Amino acid sequence: MKKRSLRNLEIVSSIRLPGLRNILALLLCGLILPSELVAEKPMITETTFGRLKDGRTARLYTLENGNGMRAKITDYGAILVALEAKDRNGELADVTLGYDTLEGWLTNTSYFGATVGRFGNRIKGGRFSLDGEEYSLAANNHPGGIPCHLHGGVVGFDKVLWKSEGRIAEEGAQVVLSYLSVEGEEGYPGNLAVTVTYTLTEKDELIWEAQAETDAATIVNIVHHSYWNLSGDPDTSINDHQLTLFAGRYLPTDAGLIPTGERKSVEGTPMDFTSSMLIGARLDADYDSLVKGAGYDHAWVLDGAPSSEHGLHRAAVLVDPETGRKMEVDTNQPAVQFYGGNFLDGTVSGKGGVAYEHRSGLCLETENFPDAPNQPDFPTAVLRPGERYYHKMIHRFSAE
């Protein structure tokens, strides 16, 4: 399908089917056939979301498919602001945590909905070496009182304004965001050109893709960081969700939540989600990894490997038994970080003024291994000139 400009798209999106009375009249006159009453096609609208402190304007894009599913994305932080999915009764609800206004997102310290980078997750001590050079990054996180670099630093990709364009592509309604991370930003080497694309398909899929190229060797691990609660009610706990992880091993961590380097079998442990398991069922187990992480906050090593360079494998399936909502996650990355909202404590007021309490949302972040730049046995996180970083993540929604 040929891509349309946003200006043309706004004209197309204003065209709606006639009211019910007119439709009945047209049917009776034989001017239209029942088979012609199809669902509306993908649509996208663009509005002003607010202004940054420096006066620049942030935009909000609302994507909608023919099934009524909606996703909202802002060019501030390349953030997923909301995702509305249907339950088993066809009722739509926002299944993400976050804020109602840009002002809330400007205070976002939990990375709700964010695109994080250059390196998502943790780097031990905020230090790494590359081609004989030592690099020092911000130590902006201190789990267990031990400093580390987290999610790209003090001003990572989640706290900058991206260039953006909304369009209708062959796959569906789409937002393309781009950002140039200059050499030395947050201590990283090389100029890194990044593109992130959100696509809402007619199959009720939200596809998130990140691509990057550099002019000097650097490290890259760009991650999507939405918090999910498939009940649509953040006053409920995600401990009542059922989770499957397609991973027979996970990465144990030290007290600073840095992987030890071991790939440990989940068999016979509370880390085993190889079959559907109630998240809260084993949280109180006296198990070292759960104690150190204050719950689930670990990377699981996905089974097998993608079938090709851009091939995907299944990472996770999340189900809310109460509403029937189901989310399947596919990726081309080697790991998925399952974070159970352990550090949410009611001090953050989100959408509708709701205080986000302990474990009111969870993250499923497909990614490279945490601390990969410091562990040669982990998959490399190095990107060199002439190479292209590519991360694809599919969220597929349904109800049962």
Protein backbone atom coordinates (compact mmCIF):
# COMPACT_ATOMS: atom_id res chain seq x y z
CA MET A 1 0.00 0.00 0.00
CA LYS A 2 1.42 3.39 -0.95
CA LYS A 3 2.41 5.56 2.01
CA ARG A 4 0.44 8.77 2.44
CA SER A 5 1.60 12.06 3.83
CA LEU A 6 0.19 13.12 7.17
CA ARG A 7 -1.65 16.08 5.55
CA ASN A 8 -3.45 13.76 3.14
CA LEU A 9 -3.98 11.30 5.95
CA GLU A 10 -5.83 13.88 8.04
CA ILE A 11 -8.25 14.36 5.16
CA VAL A 12 -8.75 10.63 4.71
CA SER A 13 -9.21 10.06 8.44
CA SER A 14 -12.07 12.58 8.53
CA ILE A 15 -14.14 10.38 6.22
CA ARG A 16 -16.51 8.23 8.26
CA LEU A 17 -19.29 5.82 7.41
CA PRO A 18 -22.77 7.48 7.39
CA GLY A 19 -25.06 7.23 10.39
CA LEU A 20 -27.12 4.12 11.06
CA ARG A 21 -30.34 5.66 9.66
CA ASN A 22 -28.63 6.56 6.39
CA ILE A 23 -27.00 3.13 6.15
CA LEU A 24 -30.41 1.43 6.53
CA ALA A 25 -31.87 3.68 3.83
CA LEU A 26 -29.04 2.87 1.44
CA LEU A 27 -29.45 -0.86 2.12
CA LEU A 28 -33.20 -0.72 1.46
CA CYS A 29 -32.61 1.12 -1.81
CA GLY A 30 -30.03 -1.43 -2.88
CA LEU A 31 -27.41 1.27 -3.26
CA ILE A 32 -25.01 -0.60 -1.00
CA LEU A 33 -24.64 -4.27 -0.12
CA PRO A 34 -24.10 -5.72 3.36
CA SER A 35 -20.69 -7.01 2.24
CA GLU A 36 -19.63 -3.42 1.61
CA LEU A 37 -20.08 -2.44 5.26
CA VAL A 38 -16.49 -3.16 6.27
CA ALA A 39 -14.59 -1.86 9.27
CA GLU A 40 -12.80 1.45 9.00
CA LYS A 41 -9.25 1.27 7.73
CA PRO A 42 -6.18 2.17 9.83
CA MET A 43 -6.10 5.79 10.92
CA ILE A 44 -3.67 8.13 12.60
CA THR A 45 -4.17 11.52 14.18
CA GLU A 46 -1.54 13.99 15.36
CA THR A 47 -2.09 16.51 18.14
CA THR A 48 -0.03 18.77 20.37
CA PHE A 49 0.90 16.96 23.58
CA GLY A 50 2.54 19.87 25.39
CA ARG A 51 5.68 21.96 25.62
CA LEU A 52 9.08 21.14 27.04
CA LYS A 53 10.80 23.51 29.44
CA ASP A 54 12.83 24.95 26.54
CA GLY A 55 9.64 25.79 24.63
CA ARG A 56 9.76 23.02 22.04
CA THR A 57 6.51 21.23 21.26
CA ALA A 58 5.94 17.52 21.84
CA ARG A 59 3.48 15.72 19.57
CA LEU A 60 1.08 12.88 20.32
CA TYR A 61 0.14 10.33 17.66
CA THR A 62 -2.94 8.14 18.02
CA LEU A 63 -2.89 5.00 15.88
CA GLU A 64 -6.10 3.04 15.35
CA ASN A 65 -6.73 -0.14 13.40
CA GLY A 66 -9.95 -1.41 11.85
CA ASN A 67 -10.74 -3.42 14.99
CA GLY A 68 -10.85 -0.34 17.20
CA MET A 69 -7.55 -1.02 18.96
CA ARG A 70 -5.59 2.17 19.74
CA ALA A 71 -1.99 3.05 20.55
CA LYS A 72 -0.75 6.49 21.56
CA ILE A 73 2.88 7.50 21.05
CA THR A 74 4.70 10.73 21.80
CA ASP A 75 7.91 11.97 20.22
CA TYR A 76 9.16 12.86 23.68
CA GLY A 77 11.23 9.84 24.65
CA ALA A 78 9.68 7.78 21.80
CA ILE A 79 7.25 6.74 24.53
CA LEU A 80 4.20 4.49 24.27
CA VAL A 81 1.70 6.64 26.17
CA ALA A 82 -1.22 4.20 26.04
CA LEU A 83 -2.35 0.94 24.47
CA GLU A 84 -6.07 0.12 24.44
CA ALA A 85 -6.89 -3.57 23.96
CA LYS A 86 -10.17 -5.52 24.14
CA ASP A 87 -11.12 -8.05 26.80
CA ARG A 88 -13.16 -11.21 26.18
CA ASN A 89 -16.34 -9.07 26.10
CA GLY A 90 -14.94 -6.67 23.54
CA GLU A 91 -14.42 -3.89 26.07
CA LEU A 92 -11.42 -1.62 25.46
CA ALA A 93 -9.11 -0.54 28.28
CA ASP A 94 -5.65 0.99 28.51
CA VAL A 95 -3.32 -1.79 29.67
CA THR A 96 -0.21 0.35 30.31
CA LEU A 97 1.02 2.44 33.21
CA GLY A 98 1.99 6.06 32.70
CA TYR A 99 0.67 9.62 32.86
CA ASP A 100 -2.21 11.65 31.41
CA THR A 101 -0.15 14.68 30.39
CA LEU A 102 3.30 15.55 29.11
CA GLU A 103 4.06 17.17 32.46
CA GLY A 104 3.80 13.74 34.06
CA TRP A 105 6.10 12.15 31.51
CA LEU A 106 8.69 14.88 32.13
CA THR A 107 8.96 13.58 35.71
CA ASN A 108 9.11 9.93 34.61
CA THR A 109 11.75 8.13 36.69
CA SER A 110 10.27 4.63 36.25
CA TYR A 111 10.76 4.60 32.45
CA PHE A 112 7.04 4.00 31.85
CA GLY A 113 6.52 3.26 28.15
CA ALA A 114 9.95 4.56 27.23
CA THR A 115 12.49 3.78 24.55
CA VAL A 116 15.71 3.48 26.58
CA GLY A 117 19.30 3.63 25.33
CA ARG A 118 22.00 3.76 24.23
CA PHE A 119 22.32 0.78 26.52
CA GLY A 120 19.14 -0.46 28.18
CA ASN A 121 19.46 -2.31 31.49
CA ARG A 122 22.58 -2.21 33.68
CA ILE A 123 26.33 -1.82 33.20
CA LYS A 124 28.48 -2.63 36.21
CA GLY A 125 30.00 0.45 37.84
CA GLY A 126 29.12 2.54 34.78
CA ARG A 127 32.35 1.45 33.11
CA PHE A 128 33.40 -0.56 30.08
CA SER A 129 36.37 -0.88 27.73
CA LEU A 130 36.26 -0.95 23.94
CA ASP A 131 39.23 -1.41 21.60
CA GLY A 132 41.63 -0.62 24.42
CA GLU A 133 39.86 2.54 25.55
CA GLU A 134 38.17 2.91 28.92
CA TYR A 135 34.80 4.66 29.08
CA SER A 136 33.03 6.05 32.13
CA LEU A 137 29.25 6.47 32.19
CA ALA A 138 26.88 7.91 34.77
CA ALA A 139 26.31 5.61 37.75
CA ASN A 140 22.66 6.60 38.01
CA ASN A 141 21.30 3.52 39.79
CA HIS A 142 22.30 1.94 43.12
CA PRO A 143 20.54 -1.40 43.75
CA GLY A 144 21.76 -2.89 47.01
CA GLY A 145 23.80 0.28 47.50
CA ILE A 146 26.05 -0.73 44.59
CA PRO A 147 26.36 1.83 41.75
CA CYS A 148 25.70 0.94 38.12
CA HIS A 149 24.72 2.59 34.86
CA LEU A 150 21.03 2.14 34.00
CA HIS A 151 19.04 2.68 30.80
CA GLY A 152 21.42 5.08 29.08
CA GLY A 153 22.23 7.45 31.92
CA VAL A 154 20.90 10.70 33.33
CA VAL A 155 19.52 11.95 29.99
CA GLY A 156 18.98 8.84 27.96
CA PHE A 157 16.83 8.33 24.87
CA ASP A 158 13.70 8.44 27.05
CA LYS A 159 14.33 12.10 27.97
CA VAL A 160 14.95 13.69 24.56
CA LEU A 161 12.66 14.98 21.82
CA TRP A 162 12.76 12.85 18.67
CA LYS A 163 11.92 13.88 15.12
CA SER A 164 8.67 12.19 14.14
CA GLU A 165 6.39 11.38 11.23
CA GLY A 166 3.03 9.66 11.20
CA ARG A 167 1.96 7.67 8.15
CA ILE A 168 -0.08 4.77 6.85
CA ALA A 169 2.19 1.94 5.73
CA GLU A 170 1.37 -1.44 4.21
CA GLU A 171 1.42 -3.01 7.69
CA GLY A 172 -0.86 -0.40 9.27
CA ALA A 173 -0.78 2.96 11.05
CA GLN A 174 2.76 3.88 11.89
CA VAL A 175 4.96 6.46 13.63
CA VAL A 176 8.63 6.78 12.67
CA LEU A 177 10.91 8.55 15.16
CA SER A 178 14.56 9.48 14.67
CA TYR A 179 17.30 10.82 16.90
CA LEU A 180 21.02 11.53 16.54
CA SER A 181 22.94 10.70 19.71
CA VAL A 182 26.17 12.66 19.32
CA GLU A 183 29.60 11.41 20.30
CA GLY A 184 30.22 11.85 24.02
CA GLU A 185 26.54 12.03 24.93
CA GLU A 186 26.24 10.38 28.36
CA GLY A 187 29.86 9.26 27.86
CA TYR A 188 29.28 6.97 24.87
CA PRO A 189 31.67 6.96 21.88
CA GLY A 190 30.58 7.58 18.28
CA ASN A 191 27.71 9.45 16.66
CA LEU A 192 24.74 7.08 16.68
CA ALA A 193 21.82 7.63 14.28
CA VAL A 194 18.72 5.90 15.67
CA THR A 195 15.29 5.19 14.19
CA VAL A 196 12.39 3.75 16.18
CA THR A 197 9.16 2.70 14.48
CA TYR A 198 5.81 1.85 16.10
CA THR A 199 3.27 0.04 13.90
CA LEU A 200 -0.28 -0.97 14.82
CA THR A 201 -1.37 -3.76 12.49
CA GLU A 202 -4.77 -5.15 11.52
CA LYS A 203 -3.77 -8.34 13.37
CA ASP A 204 -3.92 -6.42 16.68
CA GLU A 205 -0.13 -6.32 16.89
CA LEU A 206 1.95 -3.45 18.18
CA ILE A 207 5.34 -3.72 16.51
CA TRP A 208 8.29 -1.80 17.97
CA GLU A 209 11.48 -1.67 15.91
CA ALA A 210 14.80 0.05 16.63
CA GLN A 211 17.59 0.52 14.12
CA ALA A 212 20.94 2.28 14.57
CA GLU A 213 24.16 3.05 12.71
CA THR A 214 27.38 4.58 14.01
CA ASP A 215 30.48 6.32 12.67
CA ALA A 216 32.73 4.87 15.39
CA ALA A 217 32.71 1.70 17.49
CA THR A 218 30.20 1.95 20.31
CA ILE A 219 27.84 -0.22 22.38
CA VAL A 220 24.12 -0.46 21.73
CA ASN A 221 21.17 -2.14 23.46
CA ILE A 222 18.01 -0.14 22.73
CA VAL A 223 15.04 -1.41 24.76
CA HIS A 224 11.28 -0.84 24.95
CA HIS A 225 10.15 -0.41 28.56
CA SER A 226 6.35 -0.42 28.88
CA TYR A 227 4.68 -1.49 32.12
CA TRP A 228 1.72 -3.79 31.50
CA ASN A 229 -1.36 -4.60 33.52
CA LEU A 230 -3.74 -6.50 31.27
CA SER A 231 -6.65 -6.09 33.67
CA GLY A 232 -6.87 -2.44 32.60
CA ASP A 233 -7.12 -1.57 36.29
CA PRO A 234 -3.81 -0.52 37.89
CA ASP A 235 -5.38 -0.85 41.34
CA THR A 236 -5.04 -4.61 40.83
CA SER A 237 -1.81 -6.57 41.14
CA ILE A 238 0.02 -8.24 38.25
CA ASN A 239 0.69 -11.12 40.65
CA ASP A 240 -2.66 -12.50 39.47
CA HIS A 241 -1.47 -12.67 35.83
CA GLN A 242 -0.33 -15.92 34.23
CA LEU A 243 3.12 -15.79 32.59
CA THR A 244 5.00 -18.08 30.24
CA LEU A 245 8.65 -17.43 29.35
CA PHE A 246 10.22 -19.44 26.55
CA ALA A 247 13.48 -19.80 28.42
CA GLY A 248 15.06 -22.74 30.19
CA ARG A 249 17.82 -20.60 31.71
CA TYR A 250 18.17 -17.23 33.38
CA LEU A 251 21.02 -14.95 34.49
CA PRO A 252 21.57 -14.92 38.26
CA THR A 253 22.82 -11.59 39.61
CA ASP A 254 24.91 -10.28 42.46
CA ALA A 255 23.51 -7.94 45.11
CA GLY A 256 23.85 -5.04 42.64
CA LEU A 257 21.61 -6.83 40.11
CA ILE A 258 24.57 -7.36 37.75
CA PRO A 259 24.69 -10.82 36.11
CA THR A 260 27.35 -13.10 37.58
CA GLY A 261 28.05 -14.61 34.16
CA GLU A 262 26.30 -17.91 34.90
CA ARG A 263 23.43 -19.16 32.75
CA LYS A 264 21.45 -21.14 35.29
CA SER A 265 18.73 -23.68 34.62
CA VAL A 266 15.27 -22.69 35.85
CA GLU A 267 14.26 -26.30 36.46
CA GLY A 268 12.99 -26.87 39.97
CA THR A 269 13.23 -23.18 40.91
CA PRO A 270 10.77 -20.27 41.28
CA MET A 271 12.32 -18.88 38.07
CA ASP A 272 10.67 -21.60 35.97
CA PHE A 273 8.00 -20.11 33.70
CA THR A 274 8.44 -22.64 30.90
CA SER A 275 4.75 -23.46 31.39
CA SER A 276 2.08 -20.94 32.33
CA MET A 277 2.47 -19.92 35.97
CA LEU A 278 0.74 -17.50 38.30
CA ILE A 279 3.28 -14.72 38.84
CA GLY A 280 2.68 -14.39 42.57
CA ALA A 281 2.63 -18.10 43.32
CA ARG A 282 6.30 -18.38 44.39
CA LEU A 283 7.29 -14.81 45.18
CA ASP A 284 7.69 -15.56 48.90
CA ALA A 285 10.07 -18.47 48.30
CA ASP A 286 13.38 -18.28 50.16
CA TYR A 287 15.37 -18.30 46.93
CA ASP A 288 18.57 -16.31 46.55
CA SER A 289 17.70 -14.64 43.23
CA LEU A 290 14.29 -13.51 44.49
CA VAL A 291 15.79 -12.16 47.70
CA LYS A 292 18.50 -10.17 45.90
CA GLY A 293 16.09 -8.81 43.31
CA ALA A 294 13.28 -8.07 45.77
CA GLY A 295 11.25 -10.26 43.43
CA TYR A 296 11.54 -10.87 39.71
CA ASP A 297 14.02 -8.53 38.04
CA HIS A 298 16.19 -10.78 35.88
CA ALA A 299 17.05 -11.61 32.29
CA TRP A 300 15.87 -14.95 30.93
CA VAL A 301 17.91 -16.53 28.12
CA LEU A 302 15.52 -17.31 25.30
CA ASP A 303 15.57 -20.84 23.94
CA GLY A 304 17.07 -21.44 20.52
CA ALA A 305 17.94 -18.66 18.12
CA PRO A 306 16.09 -16.61 15.53
CA SER A 307 15.79 -18.51 12.25
CA SER A 308 17.48 -15.72 10.26
CA GLU A 309 19.13 -12.32 10.74
CA HIS A 310 15.73 -10.69 11.28
CA GLY A 311 13.86 -13.84 12.28
CA LEU A 312 11.86 -13.94 15.48
CA HIS A 313 11.26 -16.35 18.28
CA ARG A 314 8.63 -16.40 20.99
CA ALA A 315 9.70 -14.69 24.20
CA ALA A 316 6.65 -14.57 26.46
CA VAL A 317 2.90 -15.01 26.84
CA LEU A 318 1.04 -12.97 29.45
CA VAL A 319 -2.63 -13.59 30.35
CA ASP A 320 -5.01 -11.89 32.75
CA PRO A 321 -7.48 -14.65 33.69
CA GLU A 322 -10.08 -12.16 34.94
CA THR A 323 -10.51 -10.22 31.68
CA GLY A 324 -9.17 -12.83 29.27
CA ARG A 325 -6.69 -10.38 27.73
CA LYS A 326 -3.63 -12.08 26.30
CA MET A 327 -0.33 -10.61 25.10
CA GLU A 328 2.25 -12.64 23.18
CA VAL A 329 5.76 -11.24 22.74
CA ASP A 330 8.09 -12.15 19.86
CA THR A 331 11.61 -10.81 19.32
CA ASN A 332 14.92 -11.23 17.50
CA GLN A 333 16.89 -10.60 20.70
CA PRO A 334 18.59 -13.24 22.90
CA ALA A 335 16.95 -12.37 26.24
CA VAL A 336 13.88 -10.96 27.93
CA GLN A 337 14.03 -9.03 31.21
CA PHE A 338 11.00 -9.77 33.37
CA TYR A 339 10.59 -7.04 35.98
CA GLY A 340 7.66 -7.43 38.34
CA GLY A 341 7.24 -3.81 39.47
CA ASN A 342 9.12 -4.48 42.72
CA PHE A 343 10.11 -0.85 43.26
CA LEU A 344 6.72 0.71 42.64
CA ASP A 345 5.66 1.93 46.07
CA GLY A 346 2.64 4.21 45.71
CA THR A 347 4.65 7.43 45.56
CA VAL A 348 3.99 7.91 41.83
CA SER A 349 0.53 9.12 40.77
CA GLY A 350 -0.25 8.07 37.24
CA LYS A 351 -3.19 8.08 34.86
CA GLY A 352 -6.39 9.28 36.48
CA GLY A 353 -4.45 10.16 39.63
CA VAL A 354 -4.01 6.49 40.54
CA ALA A 355 -1.09 5.81 42.88
CA TYR A 356 0.93 2.99 41.36
CA GLU A 357 1.37 0.54 44.20
CA HIS A 358 3.78 -2.36 44.61
CA ARG A 359 3.61 -4.70 41.59
CA SER A 360 0.79 -2.87 39.84
CA GLY A 361 2.60 -3.29 36.51
CA LEU A 362 5.26 -5.48 34.95
CA CYS A 363 7.85 -5.16 32.19
CA LEU A 364 8.85 -7.69 29.54
CA GLU A 365 11.90 -6.11 27.89
CA THR A 366 13.46 -8.02 25.00
CA GLU A 367 17.14 -7.18 24.82
CA ASN A 368 20.78 -8.21 24.82
CA PHE A 369 22.21 -9.47 28.12
CA PRO A 370 22.69 -6.88 30.90
CA ASP A 371 26.34 -5.85 31.40
CA ALA A 372 27.24 -7.44 28.05
CA PRO A 373 30.08 -4.90 27.40
CA ASN A 374 31.95 -6.26 30.44
CA GLN A 375 31.34 -9.98 29.93
CA PRO A 376 33.07 -11.52 26.89
CA ASP A 377 31.01 -14.71 27.14
CA PHE A 378 27.79 -12.74 26.58
CA PRO A 379 26.50 -11.82 23.09
CA THR A 380 28.40 -8.78 21.87
CA ALA A 381 26.82 -5.34 22.24
CA VAL A 382 29.44 -3.66 20.04
CA LEU A 383 28.31 -1.84 16.90
CA ARG A 384 30.89 -0.76 14.35
CA PRO A 385 30.80 1.54 11.31
CA GLY A 386 29.16 -0.21 8.35
CA GLU A 387 27.04 -2.42 10.60
CA ARG A 388 23.36 -1.94 11.46
CA TYR A 389 21.76 -2.59 14.82
CA TYR A 390 18.23 -3.98 14.51
CA HIS A 391 15.83 -4.88 17.32
CA LYS A 392 12.30 -6.03 16.58
CA MET A 393 9.63 -6.68 19.19
CA ILE A 394 6.04 -7.71 18.49
CA HIS A 395 3.23 -7.45 21.04
CA ARG A 396 0.27 -9.51 19.80
CA PHE A 397 -3.05 -8.98 21.63
CA SER A 398 -6.11 -11.21 21.81
CA ALA A 399 -8.66 -12.41 24.37
CA GLU A 400 -9.66 -15.86 25.59
